[in-house]
Amino acid sequence: MIALAKLFKLTDNSVYIQYCPMADAGWLSNESKIINPYYGSSMLSCGKVQQEIK
């Protein structure tokens, strides 16, 4: 999905590629705030924005 988001404009708004080093995995978000899907409430804010796709 990240590769497709980079190739095609999915929305008029920004899409954020976010990354969790603990899970060594990334995800897409429609907001810059980190809400980590991998570790639930115990690590909800773990991660960082790697890239903003406009």
C-alpha atoms as a PDB file:
ATOM      1  CA  MET A   1       0.000   0.000   0.000  1.00  0.00           C
ATOM      2  CA  ILE A   2       2.841   2.393   0.739  1.00  0.00           C
ATOM      3  CA  ALA A   3       4.246   1.883  -2.766  1.00  0.00           C
ATOM      4  CA  LEU A   4       0.812   2.516  -4.284  1.00  0.00           C
ATOM      5  CA  ALA A   5       0.345   5.656  -2.204  1.00  0.00           C
ATOM      6  CA  LYS A   6       3.627   6.973  -3.579  1.00  0.00           C
ATOM      7  CA  LEU A   7       2.623   6.221  -7.182  1.00  0.00           C
ATOM      8  CA  PHE A   8      -1.017   7.319  -7.186  1.00  0.00           C
ATOM      9  CA  LYS A   9      -2.752  10.281  -5.593  1.00  0.00           C
ATOM     10  CA  LEU A  10      -5.120   8.569  -3.150  1.00  0.00           C
ATOM     11  CA  THR A  11      -6.707  11.705  -1.723  1.00  0.00           C
ATOM     12  CA  ASP A  12      -6.589  15.490  -1.945  1.00  0.00           C
ATOM     13  CA  ASN A  13      -5.193  15.553   1.608  1.00  0.00           C
ATOM     14  CA  SER A  14      -1.718  14.555   2.745  1.00  0.00           C
ATOM     15  CA  VAL A  15      -0.988  10.904   3.514  1.00  0.00           C
ATOM     16  CA  TYR A  16       1.710  10.142   6.089  1.00  0.00           C
ATOM     17  CA  ILE A  17       4.049   7.170   6.016  1.00  0.00           C
ATOM     18  CA  GLN A  18       4.749   6.270   9.625  1.00  0.00           C
ATOM     19  CA  TYR A  19       7.241   3.781  11.033  1.00  0.00           C
ATOM     20  CA  CYS A  20       7.599   1.830  14.286  1.00  0.00           C
ATOM     21  CA  PRO A  21      11.184   0.721  15.011  1.00  0.00           C
ATOM     22  CA  MET A  22      10.032  -1.801  17.641  1.00  0.00           C
ATOM     23  CA  ALA A  23       7.865  -3.669  15.100  1.00  0.00           C
ATOM     24  CA  ASP A  24      10.186  -2.788  12.183  1.00  0.00           C
ATOM     25  CA  ALA A  25       7.050  -1.974  10.213  1.00  0.00           C
ATOM     26  CA  GLY A  26       5.321   0.954   8.591  1.00  0.00           C
ATOM     27  CA  TRP A  27       1.763   2.078   7.945  1.00  0.00           C
ATOM     28  CA  LEU A  28      -0.188   4.836   6.261  1.00  0.00           C
ATOM     29  CA  SER A  29      -2.133   7.479   8.144  1.00  0.00           C
ATOM     30  CA  ASN A  30      -4.285  10.442   7.183  1.00  0.00           C
ATOM     31  CA  GLU A  31      -2.872  12.473  10.106  1.00  0.00           C
ATOM     32  CA  SER A  32       0.635  13.204  11.344  1.00  0.00           C
ATOM     33  CA  LYS A  33      -0.146  12.152  14.938  1.00  0.00           C
ATOM     34  CA  ILE A  34       1.293   8.702  15.687  1.00  0.00           C
ATOM     35  CA  ILE A  35      -1.285   6.075  16.612  1.00  0.00           C
ATOM     36  CA  ASN A  36       0.713   2.852  16.425  1.00  0.00           C
ATOM     37  CA  PRO A  37      -1.426  -0.108  15.245  1.00  0.00           C
ATOM     38  CA  TYR A  38       1.117  -2.757  16.290  1.00  0.00           C
ATOM     39  CA  TYR A  39       1.343  -2.581  20.079  1.00  0.00           C
ATOM     40  CA  GLY A  40      -2.037  -1.334  21.215  1.00  0.00           C
ATOM     41  CA  SER A  41      -2.321   1.015  24.171  1.00  0.00           C
ATOM     42  CA  SER A  42       1.051  -0.004  25.643  1.00  0.00           C
ATOM     43  CA  MET A  43       3.025   1.671  22.806  1.00  0.00           C
ATOM     44  CA  LEU A  44       0.362   3.821  21.141  1.00  0.00           C
ATOM     45  CA  SER A  45       2.680   6.748  20.393  1.00  0.00           C
ATOM     46  CA  CYS A  46       5.777   4.734  19.444  1.00  0.00           C
ATOM     47  CA  GLY A  47       6.987   5.666  15.977  1.00  0.00           C
ATOM     48  CA  LYS A  48       7.672   8.606  13.721  1.00  0.00           C
ATOM     49  CA  VAL A  49       6.548  10.133  10.465  1.00  0.00           C
ATOM     50  CA  GLN A  50       8.965   9.070   7.751  1.00  0.00           C
ATOM     51  CA  GLN A  51       7.410  10.922   4.848  1.00  0.00           C
ATOM     52  CA  GLU A  52       4.464  13.104   3.930  1.00  0.00           C
ATOM     53  CA  ILE A  53       2.889  12.428   0.538  1.00  0.00           C
ATOM     54  CA  LYS A  54       1.058  15.483  -0.774  1.00  0.00           C
END
